[in-house]
Amino acid sequence: MGDCVEVWLSGEHVCTGMVEEATADDSVLWVAAEGTRTRQLFDKHSGYEVRA
């Protein structure tokens, strides 16, 4: 938790942010809100790729 990550979907950058929470297997994570953007949930099963 607290790592800065980039989230990608189908080769396109979705967002960059800090990991707020993650499941034990890292298949689902919450990226903290930043500026006007709200906290967001991303999961590997939907095709999201997370890069540290």
PDB file of N, CA and C in Angstrom:
ATOM      1  N   MET A   1       0.835  -1.172   0.000  1.00  0.00           N
ATOM      2  CA  MET A   1       0.000   0.000   0.000  1.00  0.00           C
ATOM      3  C   MET A   1       0.889   1.247   0.000  1.00  0.00           C
ATOM      4  N   GLY A   2       0.359   2.282  -0.567  1.00  0.00           N
ATOM      5  CA  GLY A   2       1.093   3.525  -0.633  1.00  0.00           C
ATOM      6  C   GLY A   2       2.021   3.643  -1.821  1.00  0.00           C
ATOM      7  N   ASP A   3       2.095   2.589  -2.648  1.00  0.00           N
ATOM      8  CA  ASP A   3       2.944   2.639  -3.827  1.00  0.00           C
ATOM      9  C   ASP A   3       2.295   3.486  -4.910  1.00  0.00           C
ATOM     10  N   CYS A   4       3.109   4.217  -5.644  1.00  0.00           N
ATOM     11  CA  CYS A   4       2.619   4.978  -6.783  1.00  0.00           C
ATOM     12  C   CYS A   4       2.600   4.037  -7.989  1.00  0.00           C
ATOM     13  N   VAL A   5       1.462   3.934  -8.656  1.00  0.00           N
ATOM     14  CA  VAL A   5       1.318   3.019  -9.786  1.00  0.00           C
ATOM     15  C   VAL A   5       0.667   3.720 -10.979  1.00  0.00           C
ATOM     16  N   GLU A   6       0.852   3.123 -12.142  1.00  0.00           N
ATOM     17  CA  GLU A   6       0.143   3.532 -13.353  1.00  0.00           C
ATOM     18  C   GLU A   6      -0.844   2.425 -13.672  1.00  0.00           C
ATOM     19  N   VAL A   7      -2.048   2.790 -14.065  1.00  0.00           N
ATOM     20  CA  VAL A   7      -3.068   1.817 -14.444  1.00  0.00           C
ATOM     21  C   VAL A   7      -3.295   1.942 -15.942  1.00  0.00           C
ATOM     22  N   TRP A   8      -3.277   0.803 -16.637  1.00  0.00           N
ATOM     23  CA  TRP A   8      -3.427   0.743 -18.095  1.00  0.00           C
ATOM     24  C   TRP A   8      -4.556  -0.213 -18.458  1.00  0.00           C
ATOM     25  N   LEU A   9      -5.214   0.055 -19.574  1.00  0.00           N
ATOM     26  CA  LEU A   9      -6.253  -0.830 -20.098  1.00  0.00           C
ATOM     27  C   LEU A   9      -6.133  -0.832 -21.617  1.00  0.00           C
ATOM     28  N   SER A  10      -5.951  -1.994 -22.189  1.00  0.00           N
ATOM     29  CA  SER A  10      -5.830  -2.156 -23.647  1.00  0.00           C
ATOM     30  C   SER A  10      -4.763  -1.239 -24.237  1.00  0.00           C
ATOM     31  N   GLY A  11      -3.629  -1.114 -23.540  1.00  0.00           N
ATOM     32  CA  GLY A  11      -2.522  -0.312 -24.029  1.00  0.00           C
ATOM     33  C   GLY A  11      -2.668   1.179 -23.845  1.00  0.00           C
ATOM     34  N   GLU A  12      -3.729   1.624 -23.173  1.00  0.00           N
ATOM     35  CA  GLU A  12      -3.940   3.055 -22.945  1.00  0.00           C
ATOM     36  C   GLU A  12      -3.843   3.377 -21.459  1.00  0.00           C
ATOM     37  N   HIS A  13      -3.149   4.470 -21.156  1.00  0.00           N
ATOM     38  CA  HIS A  13      -2.982   4.914 -19.770  1.00  0.00           C
ATOM     39  C   HIS A  13      -4.319   5.408 -19.228  1.00  0.00           C
ATOM     40  N   VAL A  14      -4.739   4.857 -18.092  1.00  0.00           N
ATOM     41  CA  VAL A  14      -6.002   5.239 -17.458  1.00  0.00           C
ATOM     42  C   VAL A  14      -5.761   6.291 -16.383  1.00  0.00           C
ATOM     43  N   CYS A  15      -4.800   6.034 -15.489  1.00  0.00           N
ATOM     44  CA  CYS A  15      -4.489   6.989 -14.432  1.00  0.00           C
ATOM     45  C   CYS A  15      -3.181   6.621 -13.755  1.00  0.00           C
ATOM     46  N   THR A  16      -2.687   7.538 -12.965  1.00  0.00           N
ATOM     47  CA  THR A  16      -1.528   7.329 -12.101  1.00  0.00           C
ATOM     48  C   THR A  16      -1.965   7.732 -10.704  1.00  0.00           C
ATOM     49  N   GLY A  17      -1.617   6.924  -9.705  1.00  0.00           N
ATOM     50  CA  GLY A  17      -2.013   7.268  -8.351  1.00  0.00           C
ATOM     51  C   GLY A  17      -1.407   6.348  -7.311  1.00  0.00           C
ATOM     52  N   MET A  18      -1.774   6.594  -6.059  1.00  0.00           N
ATOM     53  CA  MET A  18      -1.273   5.817  -4.931  1.00  0.00           C
ATOM     54  C   MET A  18      -2.241   4.691  -4.585  1.00  0.00           C
ATOM     55  N   VAL A  19      -1.692   3.500  -4.357  1.00  0.00           N
ATOM     56  CA  VAL A  19      -2.518   2.365  -3.956  1.00  0.00           C
ATOM     57  C   VAL A  19      -2.988   2.601  -2.529  1.00  0.00           C
ATOM     58  N   GLU A  20      -4.305   2.600  -2.351  1.00  0.00           N
ATOM     59  CA  GLU A  20      -4.886   2.816  -1.027  1.00  0.00           C
ATOM     60  C   GLU A  20      -5.166   1.489  -0.337  1.00  0.00           C
ATOM     61  N   GLU A  21      -5.683   0.519  -1.087  1.00  0.00           N
ATOM     62  CA  GLU A  21      -5.965  -0.813  -0.554  1.00  0.00           C
ATOM     63  C   GLU A  21      -5.825  -1.819  -1.690  1.00  0.00           C
ATOM     64  N   ALA A  22      -5.517  -3.063  -1.326  1.00  0.00           N
ATOM     65  CA  ALA A  22      -5.416  -4.132  -2.319  1.00  0.00           C
ATOM     66  C   ALA A  22      -5.787  -5.454  -1.669  1.00  0.00           C
ATOM     67  N   THR A  23      -6.316  -6.382  -2.471  1.00  0.00           N
ATOM     68  CA  THR A  23      -6.610  -7.717  -1.958  1.00  0.00           C
ATOM     69  C   THR A  23      -5.299  -8.471  -1.753  1.00  0.00           C
ATOM     70  N   ALA A  24      -5.345  -9.548  -0.995  1.00  0.00           N
ATOM     71  CA  ALA A  24      -4.145 -10.324  -0.678  1.00  0.00           C
ATOM     72  C   ALA A  24      -3.426 -10.833  -1.929  1.00  0.00           C
ATOM     73  N   ASP A  25      -4.185 -11.152  -2.974  1.00  0.00           N
ATOM     74  CA  ASP A  25      -3.566 -11.664  -4.202  1.00  0.00           C
ATOM     75  C   ASP A  25      -3.310 -10.561  -5.241  1.00  0.00           C
ATOM     76  N   ASP A  26      -3.542  -9.314  -4.869  1.00  0.00           N
ATOM     77  CA  ASP A  26      -3.334  -8.145  -5.738  1.00  0.00           C
ATOM     78  C   ASP A  26      -4.176  -8.157  -7.009  1.00  0.00           C
ATOM     79  N   SER A  27      -5.271  -8.911  -7.020  1.00  0.00           N
ATOM     80  CA  SER A  27      -6.120  -8.948  -8.207  1.00  0.00           C
ATOM     81  C   SER A  27      -7.091  -7.762  -8.256  1.00  0.00           C
ATOM     82  N   VAL A  28      -7.300  -7.120  -7.113  1.00  0.00           N
ATOM     83  CA  VAL A  28      -8.182  -5.952  -7.030  1.00  0.00           C
ATOM     84  C   VAL A  28      -7.482  -4.896  -6.182  1.00  0.00           C
ATOM     85  N   LEU A  29      -7.519  -3.639  -6.644  1.00  0.00           N
ATOM     86  CA  LEU A  29      -6.931  -2.577  -5.836  1.00  0.00           C
ATOM     87  C   LEU A  29      -7.723  -1.285  -5.967  1.00  0.00           C
ATOM     88  N   TRP A  30      -7.613  -0.489  -4.917  1.00  0.00           N
ATOM     89  CA  TRP A  30      -8.199   0.846  -4.895  1.00  0.00           C
ATOM     90  C   TRP A  30      -7.072   1.842  -5.089  1.00  0.00           C
ATOM     91  N   VAL A  31      -7.257   2.778  -6.009  1.00  0.00           N
ATOM     92  CA  VAL A  31      -6.305   3.866  -6.205  1.00  0.00           C
ATOM     93  C   VAL A  31      -6.925   5.109  -5.571  1.00  0.00           C
ATOM     94  N   ALA A  32      -6.161   5.756  -4.708  1.00  0.00           N
ATOM     95  CA  ALA A  32      -6.653   6.898  -3.936  1.00  0.00           C
ATOM     96  C   ALA A  32      -7.083   8.055  -4.826  1.00  0.00           C
ATOM     97  N   ALA A  33      -8.022   8.831  -4.317  1.00  0.00           N
ATOM     98  CA  ALA A  33      -8.501  10.022  -5.009  1.00  0.00           C
ATOM     99  C   ALA A  33      -7.380  11.053  -5.085  1.00  0.00           C
ATOM    100  N   GLU A  34      -7.391  11.830  -6.175  1.00  0.00           N
ATOM    101  CA  GLU A  34      -6.388  12.874  -6.345  1.00  0.00           C
ATOM    102  C   GLU A  34      -7.007  14.023  -7.118  1.00  0.00           C
ATOM    103  N   GLY A  35      -6.899  15.216  -6.588  1.00  0.00           N
ATOM    104  CA  GLY A  35      -7.489  16.380  -7.253  1.00  0.00           C
ATOM    105  C   GLY A  35      -8.995  16.220  -7.352  1.00  0.00           C
ATOM    106  N   THR A  36      -9.539  16.330  -8.548  1.00  0.00           N
ATOM    107  CA  THR A  36     -10.983  16.190  -8.744  1.00  0.00           C
ATOM    108  C   THR A  36     -11.388  14.745  -9.012  1.00  0.00           C
ATOM    109  N   ARG A  37     -10.420  13.861  -9.133  1.00  0.00           N
ATOM    110  CA  ARG A  37     -10.695  12.444  -9.398  1.00  0.00           C
ATOM    111  C   ARG A  37     -11.062  11.729  -8.100  1.00  0.00           C
ATOM    112  N   THR A  38     -12.067  10.878  -8.149  1.00  0.00           N
ATOM    113  CA  THR A  38     -12.477  10.122  -6.969  1.00  0.00           C
ATOM    114  C   THR A  38     -11.684   8.824  -6.861  1.00  0.00           C
ATOM    115  N   ARG A  39     -11.740   8.214  -5.691  1.00  0.00           N
ATOM    116  CA  ARG A  39     -11.109   6.916  -5.465  1.00  0.00           C
ATOM    117  C   ARG A  39     -11.671   5.929  -6.481  1.00  0.00           C
ATOM    118  N   GLN A  40     -10.801   5.073  -7.065  1.00  0.00           N
ATOM    119  CA  GLN A  40     -11.248   4.151  -8.102  1.00  0.00           C
ATOM    120  C   GLN A  40     -10.827   2.723  -7.802  1.00  0.00           C
ATOM    121  N   LEU A  41     -11.664   1.770  -8.209  1.00  0.00           N
ATOM    122  CA  LEU A  41     -11.406   0.340  -8.054  1.00  0.00           C
ATOM    123  C   LEU A  41     -11.000  -0.223  -9.401  1.00  0.00           C
ATOM    124  N   PHE A  42      -9.926  -1.028  -9.423  1.00  0.00           N
ATOM    125  CA  PHE A  42      -9.466  -1.684 -10.650  1.00  0.00           C
ATOM    126  C   PHE A  42      -9.246  -3.158 -10.351  1.00  0.00           C
ATOM    127  N   ASP A  43      -9.597  -4.018 -11.316  1.00  0.00           N
ATOM    128  CA  ASP A  43      -9.374  -5.447 -11.125  1.00  0.00           C
ATOM    129  C   ASP A  43      -8.766  -6.070 -12.377  1.00  0.00           C
ATOM    130  N   LYS A  44      -7.888  -7.036 -12.168  1.00  0.00           N
ATOM    131  CA  LYS A  44      -7.187  -7.702 -13.270  1.00  0.00           C
ATOM    132  C   LYS A  44      -8.141  -8.431 -14.203  1.00  0.00           C
ATOM    133  N   HIS A  45      -9.226  -8.978 -13.673  1.00  0.00           N
ATOM    134  CA  HIS A  45     -10.160  -9.761 -14.486  1.00  0.00           C
ATOM    135  C   HIS A  45     -10.849  -8.913 -15.555  1.00  0.00           C
ATOM    136  N   SER A  46     -10.887  -7.603 -15.363  1.00  0.00           N
ATOM    137  CA  SER A  46     -11.481  -6.698 -16.352  1.00  0.00           C
ATOM    138  C   SER A  46     -10.451  -6.231 -17.377  1.00  0.00           C
ATOM    139  N   GLY A  47      -9.217  -6.690 -17.237  1.00  0.00           N
ATOM    140  CA  GLY A  47      -8.184  -6.373 -18.206  1.00  0.00           C
ATOM    141  C   GLY A  47      -7.236  -5.257 -17.811  1.00  0.00           C
ATOM    142  N   TYR A  48      -7.385  -4.707 -16.602  1.00  0.00           N
ATOM    143  CA  TYR A  48      -6.498  -3.627 -16.171  1.00  0.00           C
ATOM    144  C   TYR A  48      -5.106  -4.183 -15.852  1.00  0.00           C
ATOM    145  N   GLU A  49      -4.094  -3.414 -16.213  1.00  0.00           N
ATOM    146  CA  GLU A  49      -2.706  -3.754 -15.919  1.00  0.00           C
ATOM    147  C   GLU A  49      -2.163  -2.655 -15.019  1.00  0.00           C
ATOM    148  N   VAL A  50      -1.474  -3.047 -13.961  1.00  0.00           N
ATOM    149  CA  VAL A  50      -0.912  -2.082 -13.019  1.00  0.00           C
ATOM    150  C   VAL A  50       0.611  -2.156 -13.115  1.00  0.00           C
ATOM    151  N   ARG A  51       1.216  -0.988 -13.308  1.00  0.00           N
ATOM    152  CA  ARG A  51       2.675  -0.904 -13.398  1.00  0.00           C
ATOM    153  C   ARG A  51       3.196  -0.022 -12.271  1.00  0.00           C
ATOM    154  N   ALA A  52       4.216  -0.547 -11.571  1.00  0.00           N
ATOM    155  CA  ALA A  52       4.808   0.219 -10.453  1.00  0.00           C
ATOM    156  C   ALA A  52       5.956   1.072 -10.943  1.00  0.00           C
TER     157      ALA A  52
END
